[in-house]
Amino acid sequence: MTGKPKNCRIMIVDDHPIFCLGMTELINNEPDLLVADCKDTADKAWDAVKQNLPDLMIVDISLAESNGLDLVEDISRAYPDLPVLVLSMYDDSMYAERALRAGAMGYVMKQRAINQVVTAIREVLAGHVYASDQIKEKMIHRMINRKSSKPSFSLDELTNRELEVFRLMGDGLDSKEIARRLNLSMKTIGTHREKIKGKLNLKHYTELVKMAVHWAHEMKK
């Protein structure tokens, strides 16, 4: 056996097999990095972490049957020395802020992961917080705007689970589909929906759907 040993073990938690394969190939090309495991749910990731603690975790913010931010928060609480890098399809400072507050050490857009993930991994392993310059600038503007003016509506008061329900509504999923996706009951989704309406000062379900769709569209621009 030749070459430098791969001594940094990485676990990827993402429910898109093709993306996992691509990230695995990219990371494994580095002489000192190794993707030791890929899991597609939070429960499977938890079991794997307990059996064999990795050196770093890469977690997708949107997982089937669970919320990536909740997983990050739980992992950071149970294993405070285990660095976590969050992947997201959203180029949005709000998600970046939530990821960092949950305990993540880095935030990378999935669309830019090929160009940024290795750099992000090395920064996080070195004990630094990583985010792209674009995300950092948006976070600064967000903080300035939050202090200087009151937005027409704010999602800051939503819990991570409520934000996930709101996001899925914006993606066009109905309550039954959201319940199946998050492995929750229809009653629980209805409760989340009512709480979201209240926090956003909305009276009707149609208003909520319209706002969610508009927000999702703006996020994907």
N, C-alpha and C. Protein backbone atom coordinates (compact mmCIF):
# COMPACT_ATOMS: atom_id res chain seq x y z
N MET A 1 0.85 -1.20 0.00
CA MET A 1 0.00 0.00 0.00
C MET A 1 0.88 1.24 0.00
N THR A 2 0.63 2.16 -0.90
CA THR A 2 1.46 3.35 -1.04
C THR A 2 0.63 4.60 -0.84
N GLY A 3 1.36 5.73 -0.71
CA GLY A 3 0.67 7.00 -0.58
C GLY A 3 0.43 7.36 0.87
N LYS A 4 0.10 8.61 1.09
CA LYS A 4 -0.17 9.12 2.43
C LYS A 4 -1.47 8.54 2.96
N PRO A 5 -1.50 8.05 4.18
CA PRO A 5 -2.74 7.46 4.72
C PRO A 5 -3.84 8.50 4.85
N LYS A 6 -5.06 8.07 4.60
CA LYS A 6 -6.20 8.97 4.73
C LYS A 6 -6.66 8.93 6.19
N ASN A 7 -6.29 9.95 6.95
CA ASN A 7 -6.50 9.88 8.38
C ASN A 7 -7.65 10.73 8.90
N CYS A 8 -8.37 11.45 8.03
CA CYS A 8 -9.52 12.23 8.46
C CYS A 8 -10.79 11.58 7.92
N ARG A 9 -11.57 11.02 8.82
CA ARG A 9 -12.77 10.27 8.44
C ARG A 9 -13.98 11.18 8.45
N ILE A 10 -14.71 11.19 7.33
CA ILE A 10 -15.84 12.10 7.14
C ILE A 10 -17.12 11.30 6.92
N MET A 11 -18.19 11.73 7.56
CA MET A 11 -19.51 11.15 7.32
C MET A 11 -20.39 12.16 6.60
N ILE A 12 -21.02 11.74 5.52
CA ILE A 12 -21.96 12.58 4.78
C ILE A 12 -23.38 12.13 5.10
N VAL A 13 -24.23 13.09 5.44
CA VAL A 13 -25.64 12.79 5.70
C VAL A 13 -26.47 13.55 4.67
N ASP A 14 -26.96 12.82 3.68
CA ASP A 14 -27.69 13.43 2.57
C ASP A 14 -28.56 12.36 1.93
N ASP A 15 -29.79 12.71 1.56
CA ASP A 15 -30.71 11.71 1.02
C ASP A 15 -30.74 11.70 -0.51
N HIS A 16 -29.71 12.24 -1.14
CA HIS A 16 -29.58 12.20 -2.60
C HIS A 16 -28.37 11.33 -2.96
N PRO A 17 -28.57 10.07 -3.34
CA PRO A 17 -27.47 9.14 -3.58
C PRO A 17 -26.44 9.63 -4.59
N ILE A 18 -26.90 10.24 -5.68
CA ILE A 18 -25.97 10.70 -6.71
C ILE A 18 -25.07 11.80 -6.16
N PHE A 19 -25.66 12.71 -5.38
CA PHE A 19 -24.86 13.77 -4.78
C PHE A 19 -23.82 13.18 -3.82
N CYS A 20 -24.23 12.21 -3.03
CA CYS A 20 -23.30 11.56 -2.10
C CYS A 20 -22.13 10.92 -2.83
N LEU A 21 -22.45 10.26 -3.93
CA LEU A 21 -21.40 9.62 -4.72
C LEU A 21 -20.42 10.65 -5.26
N GLY A 22 -20.96 11.75 -5.77
CA GLY A 22 -20.10 12.80 -6.31
C GLY A 22 -19.22 13.42 -5.25
N MET A 23 -19.80 13.71 -4.08
CA MET A 23 -19.02 14.29 -2.98
C MET A 23 -17.96 13.30 -2.48
N THR A 24 -18.34 12.02 -2.44
CA THR A 24 -17.39 11.00 -1.98
C THR A 24 -16.18 10.93 -2.91
N GLU A 25 -16.44 10.92 -4.20
CA GLU A 25 -15.34 10.86 -5.16
C GLU A 25 -14.45 12.09 -5.07
N LEU A 26 -15.07 13.25 -4.94
CA LEU A 26 -14.32 14.51 -4.85
C LEU A 26 -13.43 14.53 -3.60
N ILE A 27 -14.01 14.18 -2.47
CA ILE A 27 -13.27 14.24 -1.21
C ILE A 27 -12.19 13.15 -1.14
N ASN A 28 -12.50 11.98 -1.64
CA ASN A 28 -11.54 10.89 -1.59
C ASN A 28 -10.33 11.11 -2.49
N ASN A 29 -10.43 12.07 -3.39
CA ASN A 29 -9.27 12.42 -4.22
C ASN A 29 -8.19 13.15 -3.43
N GLU A 30 -8.58 13.67 -2.25
CA GLU A 30 -7.61 14.33 -1.38
C GLU A 30 -6.82 13.26 -0.62
N PRO A 31 -5.50 13.40 -0.54
CA PRO A 31 -4.67 12.34 0.05
C PRO A 31 -4.90 12.10 1.54
N ASP A 32 -5.43 13.09 2.25
CA ASP A 32 -5.58 12.96 3.69
C ASP A 32 -7.04 12.95 4.16
N LEU A 33 -7.98 12.85 3.20
CA LEU A 33 -9.40 12.84 3.54
C LEU A 33 -10.05 11.55 3.06
N LEU A 34 -11.02 11.07 3.82
CA LEU A 34 -11.72 9.85 3.45
C LEU A 34 -13.18 9.92 3.88
N VAL A 35 -14.08 9.71 2.93
CA VAL A 35 -15.49 9.58 3.28
C VAL A 35 -15.70 8.16 3.77
N ALA A 36 -15.89 8.02 5.07
CA ALA A 36 -16.00 6.70 5.69
C ALA A 36 -17.42 6.16 5.65
N ASP A 37 -18.41 7.08 5.49
CA ASP A 37 -19.80 6.63 5.55
C ASP A 37 -20.72 7.67 4.92
N CYS A 38 -21.81 7.20 4.33
CA CYS A 38 -22.87 8.07 3.82
C CYS A 38 -24.20 7.54 4.36
N LYS A 39 -24.97 8.42 4.98
CA LYS A 39 -26.27 8.03 5.51
C LYS A 39 -27.34 8.96 4.94
N ASP A 40 -28.56 8.41 4.77
CA ASP A 40 -29.61 9.21 4.14
C ASP A 40 -30.69 9.69 5.12
N THR A 41 -30.57 9.33 6.40
CA THR A 41 -31.52 9.83 7.41
C THR A 41 -30.76 10.18 8.69
N ALA A 42 -31.41 11.01 9.50
CA ALA A 42 -30.81 11.40 10.77
C ALA A 42 -30.66 10.20 11.71
N ASP A 43 -31.64 9.32 11.73
CA ASP A 43 -31.58 8.14 12.61
C ASP A 43 -30.40 7.25 12.26
N LYS A 44 -30.20 7.01 10.97
CA LYS A 44 -29.06 6.18 10.54
C LYS A 44 -27.74 6.87 10.89
N ALA A 45 -27.71 8.19 10.73
CA ALA A 45 -26.49 8.93 11.05
C ALA A 45 -26.17 8.82 12.54
N TRP A 46 -27.21 8.94 13.37
CA TRP A 46 -27.01 8.84 14.82
C TRP A 46 -26.43 7.48 15.19
N ASP A 47 -27.01 6.42 14.65
CA ASP A 47 -26.52 5.07 14.94
C ASP A 47 -25.06 4.91 14.53
N ALA A 48 -24.72 5.45 13.36
CA ALA A 48 -23.35 5.32 12.86
C ALA A 48 -22.37 6.13 13.71
N VAL A 49 -22.78 7.32 14.14
CA VAL A 49 -21.91 8.15 14.97
C VAL A 49 -21.61 7.47 16.30
N LYS A 50 -22.64 6.87 16.89
CA LYS A 50 -22.46 6.19 18.18
C LYS A 50 -21.51 5.00 18.06
N GLN A 51 -21.53 4.33 16.90
CA GLN A 51 -20.70 3.15 16.71
C GLN A 51 -19.25 3.52 16.37
N ASN A 52 -19.10 4.58 15.59
CA ASN A 52 -17.75 4.95 15.14
C ASN A 52 -17.72 6.44 14.86
N LEU A 53 -17.25 7.22 15.81
CA LEU A 53 -17.27 8.67 15.71
C LEU A 53 -16.35 9.15 14.59
N PRO A 54 -16.90 9.91 13.61
CA PRO A 54 -16.05 10.45 12.53
C PRO A 54 -15.28 11.67 13.00
N ASP A 55 -14.42 12.18 12.14
CA ASP A 55 -13.67 13.40 12.45
C ASP A 55 -14.43 14.65 12.04
N LEU A 56 -15.38 14.47 11.12
CA LEU A 56 -16.18 15.60 10.63
C LEU A 56 -17.46 15.06 10.01
N MET A 57 -18.55 15.81 10.14
CA MET A 57 -19.80 15.45 9.49
C MET A 57 -20.21 16.52 8.51
N ILE A 58 -20.73 16.09 7.37
CA ILE A 58 -21.31 16.99 6.38
C ILE A 58 -22.80 16.67 6.32
N VAL A 59 -23.64 17.63 6.67
CA VAL A 59 -25.08 17.38 6.81
C VAL A 59 -25.88 18.26 5.87
N ASP A 60 -26.75 17.63 5.10
CA ASP A 60 -27.69 18.37 4.26
C ASP A 60 -28.76 18.98 5.15
N ILE A 61 -29.10 20.22 4.90
CA ILE A 61 -30.07 20.92 5.74
C ILE A 61 -31.48 20.37 5.56
N SER A 62 -31.75 19.73 4.42
CA SER A 62 -33.09 19.19 4.12
C SER A 62 -33.00 17.69 3.94
N LEU A 63 -33.42 16.96 4.96
CA LEU A 63 -33.37 15.51 4.93
C LEU A 63 -34.78 14.93 4.93
N ALA A 64 -34.95 13.80 4.27
CA ALA A 64 -36.24 13.11 4.32
C ALA A 64 -36.47 12.61 5.74
N GLU A 65 -37.68 12.80 6.24
CA GLU A 65 -38.11 12.31 7.54
C GLU A 65 -37.51 13.10 8.71
N SER A 66 -36.75 14.13 8.45
CA SER A 66 -36.14 14.86 9.56
C SER A 66 -35.68 16.23 9.09
N ASN A 67 -35.19 17.02 10.05
CA ASN A 67 -34.68 18.35 9.75
C ASN A 67 -33.19 18.35 9.99
N GLY A 68 -32.41 18.74 9.00
CA GLY A 68 -30.97 18.74 9.13
C GLY A 68 -30.47 19.62 10.25
N LEU A 69 -31.14 20.76 10.46
CA LEU A 69 -30.72 21.67 11.52
C LEU A 69 -30.91 21.04 12.90
N ASP A 70 -31.99 20.28 13.06
CA ASP A 70 -32.20 19.59 14.34
C ASP A 70 -31.10 18.56 14.59
N LEU A 71 -30.69 17.86 13.53
CA LEU A 71 -29.61 16.88 13.66
C LEU A 71 -28.31 17.58 14.05
N VAL A 72 -28.03 18.71 13.40
CA VAL A 72 -26.81 19.46 13.73
C VAL A 72 -26.83 19.88 15.20
N GLU A 73 -27.97 20.38 15.64
CA GLU A 73 -28.09 20.82 17.03
C GLU A 73 -27.90 19.67 18.01
N ASP A 74 -28.49 18.53 17.71
CA ASP A 74 -28.36 17.36 18.58
C ASP A 74 -26.92 16.84 18.61
N ILE A 75 -26.30 16.78 17.43
CA ILE A 75 -24.92 16.30 17.34
C ILE A 75 -23.99 17.24 18.11
N SER A 76 -24.19 18.53 17.93
CA SER A 76 -23.32 19.51 18.59
C SER A 76 -23.46 19.46 20.10
N ARG A 77 -24.67 19.14 20.57
CA ARG A 77 -24.90 19.03 22.01
C ARG A 77 -24.26 17.76 22.57
N ALA A 78 -24.39 16.65 21.85
CA ALA A 78 -23.86 15.38 22.35
C ALA A 78 -22.36 15.23 22.11
N TYR A 79 -21.89 15.81 20.99
CA TYR A 79 -20.46 15.70 20.65
C TYR A 79 -19.93 17.08 20.29
N PRO A 80 -19.70 17.92 21.28
CA PRO A 80 -19.30 19.31 21.01
C PRO A 80 -17.97 19.46 20.26
N ASP A 81 -17.14 18.42 20.30
CA ASP A 81 -15.85 18.50 19.61
C ASP A 81 -15.90 17.94 18.18
N LEU A 82 -17.09 17.50 17.77
CA LEU A 82 -17.25 16.97 16.41
C LEU A 82 -17.70 18.09 15.48
N PRO A 83 -16.83 18.56 14.58
CA PRO A 83 -17.21 19.65 13.69
C PRO A 83 -18.22 19.22 12.64
N VAL A 84 -19.16 20.11 12.34
CA VAL A 84 -20.21 19.82 11.36
C VAL A 84 -20.22 20.91 10.30
N LEU A 85 -20.27 20.48 9.05
CA LEU A 85 -20.39 21.37 7.90
C LEU A 85 -21.75 21.17 7.28
N VAL A 86 -22.52 22.24 7.13
CA VAL A 86 -23.88 22.15 6.60
C VAL A 86 -23.91 22.46 5.11
N LEU A 87 -24.65 21.64 4.37
CA LEU A 87 -24.90 21.87 2.95
C LEU A 87 -26.34 22.33 2.78
N SER A 88 -26.57 23.26 1.86
CA SER A 88 -27.92 23.75 1.63
C SER A 88 -28.11 24.12 0.17
N MET A 89 -29.33 23.91 -0.32
CA MET A 89 -29.64 24.33 -1.67
C MET A 89 -30.01 25.81 -1.71
N TYR A 90 -30.10 26.43 -0.51
CA TYR A 90 -30.56 27.81 -0.43
C TYR A 90 -29.41 28.79 -0.20
N ASP A 91 -29.33 29.77 -1.05
CA ASP A 91 -28.33 30.83 -0.93
C ASP A 91 -28.94 31.94 -0.08
N ASP A 92 -29.12 31.62 1.21
CA ASP A 92 -29.86 32.54 2.06
C ASP A 92 -29.17 32.67 3.41
N SER A 93 -29.03 33.91 3.88
CA SER A 93 -28.32 34.17 5.13
C SER A 93 -29.08 33.64 6.34
N MET A 94 -30.42 33.57 6.25
CA MET A 94 -31.20 33.09 7.38
C MET A 94 -30.86 31.64 7.71
N TYR A 95 -30.76 30.80 6.67
CA TYR A 95 -30.40 29.41 6.89
C TYR A 95 -28.97 29.31 7.41
N ALA A 96 -28.07 30.15 6.89
CA ALA A 96 -26.69 30.13 7.36
C ALA A 96 -26.63 30.49 8.84
N GLU A 97 -27.37 31.51 9.23
CA GLU A 97 -27.41 31.91 10.64
C GLU A 97 -27.93 30.78 11.51
N ARG A 98 -29.00 30.16 11.07
CA ARG A 98 -29.59 29.07 11.86
C ARG A 98 -28.63 27.90 11.97
N ALA A 99 -27.93 27.60 10.89
CA ALA A 99 -26.96 26.50 10.91
C ALA A 99 -25.85 26.77 11.92
N LEU A 100 -25.33 27.99 11.92
CA LEU A 100 -24.26 28.35 12.85
C LEU A 100 -24.76 28.37 14.29
N ARG A 101 -25.99 28.87 14.49
CA ARG A 101 -26.55 28.88 15.83
C ARG A 101 -26.78 27.45 16.34
N ALA A 102 -27.09 26.54 15.42
CA ALA A 102 -27.33 25.15 15.80
C ALA A 102 -26.03 24.44 16.19
N GLY A 103 -24.89 25.04 15.81
CA GLY A 103 -23.62 24.45 16.18
C GLY A 103 -22.71 24.10 15.02
N ALA A 104 -23.18 24.35 13.78
CA ALA A 104 -22.34 24.06 12.62
C ALA A 104 -21.14 25.01 12.59
N MET A 105 -20.07 24.53 11.97
CA MET A 105 -18.86 25.35 11.81
C MET A 105 -18.72 25.89 10.40
N GLY A 106 -19.63 25.49 9.50
CA GLY A 106 -19.54 25.95 8.13
C GLY A 106 -20.84 25.79 7.39
N TYR A 107 -21.01 26.57 6.32
CA TYR A 107 -22.23 26.56 5.52
C TYR A 107 -21.83 26.67 4.06
N VAL A 108 -22.22 25.69 3.26
CA VAL A 108 -21.84 25.64 1.84
C VAL A 108 -23.08 25.40 0.98
N MET A 109 -23.21 26.18 -0.07
CA MET A 109 -24.27 25.95 -1.04
C MET A 109 -24.00 24.67 -1.83
N LYS A 110 -25.02 23.83 -1.99
CA LYS A 110 -24.83 22.58 -2.73
C LYS A 110 -24.43 22.83 -4.18
N GLN A 111 -24.95 23.94 -4.74
CA GLN A 111 -24.61 24.25 -6.12
C GLN A 111 -23.13 24.61 -6.29
N ARG A 112 -22.51 25.03 -5.20
CA ARG A 112 -21.10 25.42 -5.26
C ARG A 112 -20.19 24.45 -4.50
N ALA A 113 -20.77 23.32 -4.10
CA ALA A 113 -20.03 22.39 -3.25
C ALA A 113 -18.78 21.85 -3.93
N ILE A 114 -18.86 21.61 -5.24
CA ILE A 114 -17.71 21.06 -5.95
C ILE A 114 -16.50 21.97 -5.82
N ASN A 115 -16.74 23.28 -5.86
CA ASN A 115 -15.63 24.23 -5.80
C ASN A 115 -15.22 24.59 -4.37
N GLN A 116 -16.14 24.41 -3.42
CA GLN A 116 -15.89 24.93 -2.08
C GLN A 116 -15.74 23.89 -0.98
N VAL A 117 -16.23 22.68 -1.19
CA VAL A 117 -16.34 21.76 -0.07
C VAL A 117 -14.99 21.37 0.52
N VAL A 118 -13.98 21.15 -0.30
CA VAL A 118 -12.67 20.75 0.24
C VAL A 118 -12.08 21.88 1.07
N THR A 119 -12.17 23.11 0.53
CA THR A 119 -11.69 24.28 1.29
C THR A 119 -12.45 24.41 2.59
N ALA A 120 -13.77 24.24 2.53
CA ALA A 120 -14.60 24.34 3.73
C ALA A 120 -14.22 23.28 4.76
N ILE A 121 -14.00 22.06 4.30
CA ILE A 121 -13.61 20.98 5.21
C ILE A 121 -12.32 21.33 5.93
N ARG A 122 -11.34 21.81 5.18
CA ARG A 122 -10.04 22.12 5.79
C ARG A 122 -10.15 23.30 6.76
N GLU A 123 -10.96 24.29 6.43
CA GLU A 123 -11.15 25.43 7.33
C GLU A 123 -11.81 24.98 8.64
N VAL A 124 -12.84 24.16 8.50
CA VAL A 124 -13.56 23.69 9.68
C VAL A 124 -12.67 22.80 10.54
N LEU A 125 -11.92 21.91 9.91
CA LEU A 125 -11.01 21.04 10.66
C LEU A 125 -9.94 21.83 11.39
N ALA A 126 -9.60 22.99 10.85
CA ALA A 126 -8.60 23.85 11.48
C ALA A 126 -9.19 24.70 12.61
N GLY A 127 -10.51 24.56 12.82
CA GLY A 127 -11.15 25.29 13.90
C GLY A 127 -11.74 26.61 13.49
N HIS A 128 -11.81 26.86 12.18
CA HIS A 128 -12.36 28.12 11.68
C HIS A 128 -13.80 27.94 11.22
N VAL A 129 -14.54 29.02 11.22
CA VAL A 129 -15.90 29.02 10.68
C VAL A 129 -15.83 29.35 9.20
N TYR A 130 -16.54 28.55 8.38
CA TYR A 130 -16.49 28.78 6.93
C TYR A 130 -17.86 29.16 6.37
N ALA A 131 -17.86 30.20 5.55
CA ALA A 131 -19.01 30.58 4.74
C ALA A 131 -18.46 31.36 3.56
N SER A 132 -19.13 31.28 2.43
CA SER A 132 -18.67 32.00 1.25
C SER A 132 -18.76 33.50 1.48
N ASP A 133 -17.99 34.26 0.71
CA ASP A 133 -18.03 35.72 0.83
C ASP A 133 -19.44 36.25 0.57
N GLN A 134 -20.14 35.61 -0.36
CA GLN A 134 -21.51 36.03 -0.69
C GLN A 134 -22.44 35.86 0.49
N ILE A 135 -22.33 34.71 1.16
CA ILE A 135 -23.18 34.45 2.33
C ILE A 135 -22.81 35.41 3.47
N LYS A 136 -21.53 35.64 3.67
CA LYS A 136 -21.10 36.56 4.73
C LYS A 136 -21.68 37.96 4.48
N GLU A 137 -21.63 38.40 3.23
CA GLU A 137 -22.16 39.73 2.90
C GLU A 137 -23.66 39.79 3.15
N LYS A 138 -24.38 38.72 2.78
CA LYS A 138 -25.82 38.69 3.01
C LYS A 138 -26.15 38.68 4.50
N MET A 139 -25.34 37.99 5.29
CA MET A 139 -25.56 37.95 6.72
C MET A 139 -25.39 39.34 7.34
N ILE A 140 -24.38 40.05 6.86
CA ILE A 140 -24.15 41.41 7.36
C ILE A 140 -25.31 42.33 7.00
N HIS A 141 -25.75 42.26 5.74
CA HIS A 141 -26.89 43.07 5.30
C HIS A 141 -28.15 42.71 6.07
N ARG A 142 -28.31 41.44 6.35
CA ARG A 142 -29.48 40.99 7.09
C ARG A 142 -29.49 41.57 8.50
N MET A 143 -28.33 41.56 9.15
CA MET A 143 -28.23 42.12 10.49
C MET A 143 -28.50 43.63 10.48
N ILE A 144 -27.97 44.32 9.46
CA ILE A 144 -28.18 45.77 9.36
C ILE A 144 -29.65 46.08 9.13
N ASN A 145 -30.28 45.35 8.21
CA ASN A 145 -31.69 45.59 7.89
C ASN A 145 -32.59 45.24 9.08
N ARG A 146 -32.20 44.22 9.84
CA ARG A 146 -32.99 43.81 10.99
C ARG A 146 -33.03 44.92 12.03
N LYS A 147 -31.93 45.67 12.15
CA LYS A 147 -31.85 46.74 13.14
C LYS A 147 -32.46 48.04 12.65
N SER A 148 -32.37 48.27 11.33
CA SER A 148 -32.78 49.56 10.81
C SER A 148 -34.24 49.65 10.40
N SER A 149 -34.84 48.51 10.10
CA SER A 149 -36.24 48.55 9.64
C SER A 149 -36.95 47.26 9.99
N LYS A 150 -38.26 47.34 10.06
CA LYS A 150 -39.07 46.17 10.35
C LYS A 150 -39.62 45.60 9.05
N PRO A 151 -39.28 44.35 8.71
CA PRO A 151 -39.75 43.76 7.46
C PRO A 151 -41.26 43.54 7.46
N SER A 152 -41.82 43.39 6.27
CA SER A 152 -43.25 43.16 6.15
C SER A 152 -43.65 41.84 6.80
N PHE A 153 -42.79 40.86 6.77
CA PHE A 153 -42.99 39.64 7.53
C PHE A 153 -41.61 39.05 7.83
N SER A 154 -41.54 38.34 8.93
CA SER A 154 -40.26 37.78 9.35
C SER A 154 -40.42 36.31 9.69
N LEU A 155 -39.47 35.51 9.25
CA LEU A 155 -39.49 34.09 9.55
C LEU A 155 -38.60 33.75 10.74
N ASP A 156 -38.01 34.77 11.34
CA ASP A 156 -37.08 34.54 12.44
C ASP A 156 -37.73 33.86 13.63
N GLU A 157 -39.03 34.08 13.82
CA GLU A 157 -39.71 33.52 14.98
C GLU A 157 -40.10 32.06 14.79
N LEU A 158 -40.00 31.56 13.56
CA LEU A 158 -40.37 30.17 13.30
C LEU A 158 -39.30 29.23 13.84
N THR A 159 -39.74 28.11 14.39
CA THR A 159 -38.80 27.07 14.79
C THR A 159 -38.23 26.42 13.54
N ASN A 160 -37.19 25.61 13.70
CA ASN A 160 -36.61 24.92 12.55
C ASN A 160 -37.64 24.03 11.87
N ARG A 161 -38.46 23.34 12.66
CA ARG A 161 -39.47 22.46 12.08
C ARG A 161 -40.53 23.27 11.35
N GLU A 162 -40.97 24.38 11.94
CA GLU A 162 -41.96 25.23 11.28
C GLU A 162 -41.41 25.80 9.99
N LEU A 163 -40.15 26.18 9.99
CA LEU A 163 -39.53 26.70 8.77
C LEU A 163 -39.47 25.63 7.69
N GLU A 164 -39.21 24.39 8.11
CA GLU A 164 -39.17 23.28 7.15
C GLU A 164 -40.55 23.05 6.54
N VAL A 165 -41.59 23.11 7.35
CA VAL A 165 -42.96 22.96 6.84
C VAL A 165 -43.28 24.10 5.88
N PHE A 166 -42.93 25.30 6.25
CA PHE A 166 -43.16 26.48 5.40
C PHE A 166 -42.43 26.33 4.07
N ARG A 167 -41.19 25.85 4.13
CA ARG A 167 -40.40 25.66 2.91
C ARG A 167 -41.04 24.63 1.98
N LEU A 168 -41.50 23.53 2.56
CA LEU A 168 -42.12 22.48 1.75
C LEU A 168 -43.44 22.94 1.16
N MET A 169 -44.18 23.77 1.89
CA MET A 169 -45.39 24.37 1.33
C MET A 169 -45.03 25.22 0.12
N GLY A 170 -43.96 25.97 0.25
CA GLY A 170 -43.52 26.81 -0.86
C GLY A 170 -43.07 26.01 -2.07
N ASP A 171 -42.63 24.78 -1.82
CA ASP A 171 -42.22 23.90 -2.92
C ASP A 171 -43.41 23.19 -3.56
N GLY A 172 -44.62 23.48 -3.06
CA GLY A 172 -45.82 22.93 -3.68
C GLY A 172 -46.38 21.67 -3.06
N LEU A 173 -45.84 21.25 -1.92
CA LEU A 173 -46.34 20.04 -1.28
C LEU A 173 -47.57 20.35 -0.42
N ASP A 174 -48.57 19.45 -0.47
CA ASP A 174 -49.73 19.64 0.41
C ASP A 174 -49.43 19.00 1.77
N SER A 175 -50.37 19.13 2.70
CA SER A 175 -50.14 18.66 4.07
C SER A 175 -49.85 17.16 4.12
N LYS A 176 -50.54 16.38 3.30
CA LYS A 176 -50.32 14.94 3.30
C LYS A 176 -48.91 14.60 2.83
N GLU A 177 -48.47 15.29 1.79
CA GLU A 177 -47.12 15.04 1.27
C GLU A 177 -46.05 15.50 2.27
N ILE A 178 -46.30 16.62 2.94
CA ILE A 178 -45.35 17.11 3.94
C ILE A 178 -45.26 16.13 5.11
N ALA A 179 -46.41 15.63 5.54
CA ALA A 179 -46.45 14.66 6.64
C ALA A 179 -45.64 13.42 6.29
N ARG A 180 -45.81 12.94 5.07
CA ARG A 180 -45.07 11.75 4.63
C ARG A 180 -43.58 12.06 4.53
N ARG A 181 -43.25 13.22 4.01
CA ARG A 181 -41.84 13.59 3.84
C ARG A 181 -41.13 13.72 5.19
N LEU A 182 -41.80 14.28 6.18
CA LEU A 182 -41.19 14.52 7.48
C LEU A 182 -41.49 13.41 8.49
N ASN A 183 -42.23 12.41 8.04
CA ASN A 183 -42.59 11.28 8.91
C ASN A 183 -43.35 11.76 10.15
N LEU A 184 -44.31 12.65 9.91
CA LEU A 184 -45.14 13.20 10.97
C LEU A 184 -46.61 12.95 10.63
N SER A 185 -47.47 13.12 11.62
CA SER A 185 -48.90 12.93 11.38
C SER A 185 -49.50 14.18 10.72
N MET A 186 -50.64 13.98 10.07
CA MET A 186 -51.35 15.11 9.47
C MET A 186 -51.73 16.13 10.55
N LYS A 187 -52.11 15.62 11.73
CA LYS A 187 -52.49 16.51 12.82
C LYS A 187 -51.32 17.40 13.24
N THR A 188 -50.13 16.82 13.30
CA THR A 188 -48.94 17.60 13.67
C THR A 188 -48.64 18.67 12.63
N ILE A 189 -48.77 18.31 11.36
CA ILE A 189 -48.54 19.29 10.29
C ILE A 189 -49.56 20.42 10.40
N GLY A 190 -50.81 20.07 10.68
CA GLY A 190 -51.84 21.09 10.85
C GLY A 190 -51.53 22.03 12.00
N THR A 191 -50.99 21.48 13.09
CA THR A 191 -50.61 22.31 14.23
C THR A 191 -49.48 23.26 13.86
N HIS A 192 -48.49 22.73 13.16
CA HIS A 192 -47.38 23.59 12.71
C HIS A 192 -47.90 24.71 11.80
N ARG A 193 -48.80 24.33 10.93
CA ARG A 193 -49.34 25.31 9.98
C ARG A 193 -50.06 26.44 10.70
N GLU A 194 -50.84 26.09 11.72
CA GLU A 194 -51.56 27.10 12.48
C GLU A 194 -50.60 28.01 13.24
N LYS A 195 -49.56 27.43 13.78
CA LYS A 195 -48.57 28.24 14.51
C LYS A 195 -47.84 29.19 13.57
N ILE A 196 -47.55 28.71 12.37
CA ILE A 196 -46.88 29.57 11.37
C ILE A 196 -47.78 30.74 11.01
N LYS A 197 -49.06 30.45 10.77
CA LYS A 197 -50.02 31.52 10.44
C LYS A 197 -50.04 32.56 11.54
N GLY A 198 -50.08 32.12 12.78
CA GLY A 198 -50.12 33.04 13.89
C GLY A 198 -48.88 33.90 13.98
N LYS A 199 -47.72 33.29 13.81
CA LYS A 199 -46.46 34.02 13.92
C LYS A 199 -46.27 35.01 12.77
N LEU A 200 -46.88 34.70 11.62
CA LEU A 200 -46.77 35.59 10.46
C LEU A 200 -47.97 36.53 10.34
N ASN A 201 -48.84 36.49 11.35
CA ASN A 201 -50.02 37.37 11.38
C ASN A 201 -50.91 37.20 10.15
N LEU A 202 -51.15 35.96 9.78
CA LEU A 202 -52.00 35.64 8.64
C LEU A 202 -53.30 35.01 9.13
N LYS A 203 -54.38 35.27 8.42
CA LYS A 203 -55.69 34.75 8.84
C LYS A 203 -56.10 33.51 8.06
N HIS A 204 -55.71 33.44 6.81
CA HIS A 204 -56.22 32.37 5.96
C HIS A 204 -55.10 31.48 5.43
N TYR A 205 -55.45 30.23 5.21
CA TYR A 205 -54.50 29.24 4.68
C TYR A 205 -53.99 29.65 3.30
N THR A 206 -54.86 30.22 2.48
CA THR A 206 -54.45 30.62 1.13
C THR A 206 -53.37 31.71 1.19
N GLU A 207 -53.46 32.60 2.18
CA GLU A 207 -52.44 33.63 2.36
C GLU A 207 -51.09 33.00 2.70
N LEU A 208 -51.16 31.98 3.55
CA LEU A 208 -49.95 31.28 3.96
C LEU A 208 -49.28 30.59 2.77
N VAL A 209 -50.09 29.90 1.98
CA VAL A 209 -49.55 29.21 0.81
C VAL A 209 -48.93 30.21 -0.17
N LYS A 210 -49.64 31.29 -0.42
CA LYS A 210 -49.14 32.31 -1.35
C LYS A 210 -47.81 32.88 -0.87
N MET A 211 -47.70 33.17 0.43
CA MET A 211 -46.47 33.71 0.98
C MET A 211 -45.34 32.69 0.88
N ALA A 212 -45.65 31.43 1.17
CA ALA A 212 -44.64 30.37 1.12
C ALA A 212 -44.11 30.17 -0.29
N VAL A 213 -45.01 30.17 -1.26
CA VAL A 213 -44.61 30.00 -2.67
C VAL A 213 -43.75 31.17 -3.12
N HIS A 214 -44.15 32.39 -2.75
CA HIS A 214 -43.38 33.58 -3.13
C HIS A 214 -41.98 33.53 -2.51
N TRP A 215 -41.92 33.16 -1.24
CA TRP A 215 -40.64 33.09 -0.54
C TRP A 215 -39.73 32.03 -1.17
N ALA A 216 -40.29 30.88 -1.47
CA ALA A 216 -39.50 29.79 -2.07
C ALA A 216 -38.97 30.22 -3.44
N HIS A 217 -39.80 30.94 -4.19
CA HIS A 217 -39.39 31.42 -5.51
C HIS A 217 -38.23 32.42 -5.38
N GLU A 218 -38.32 33.32 -4.42
CA GLU A 218 -37.27 34.31 -4.22
C GLU A 218 -35.97 33.64 -3.77
N MET A 219 -36.08 32.61 -2.96
CA MET A 219 -34.91 31.90 -2.44
C MET A 219 -34.13 31.20 -3.54
N LYS A 220 -34.84 30.78 -4.59
CA LYS A 220 -34.22 30.00 -5.64
C LYS A 220 -33.71 30.83 -6.80
N LYS A 221 -33.86 32.15 -6.71
CA LYS A 221 -33.40 33.02 -7.79
C LYS A 221 -31.88 33.01 -7.87
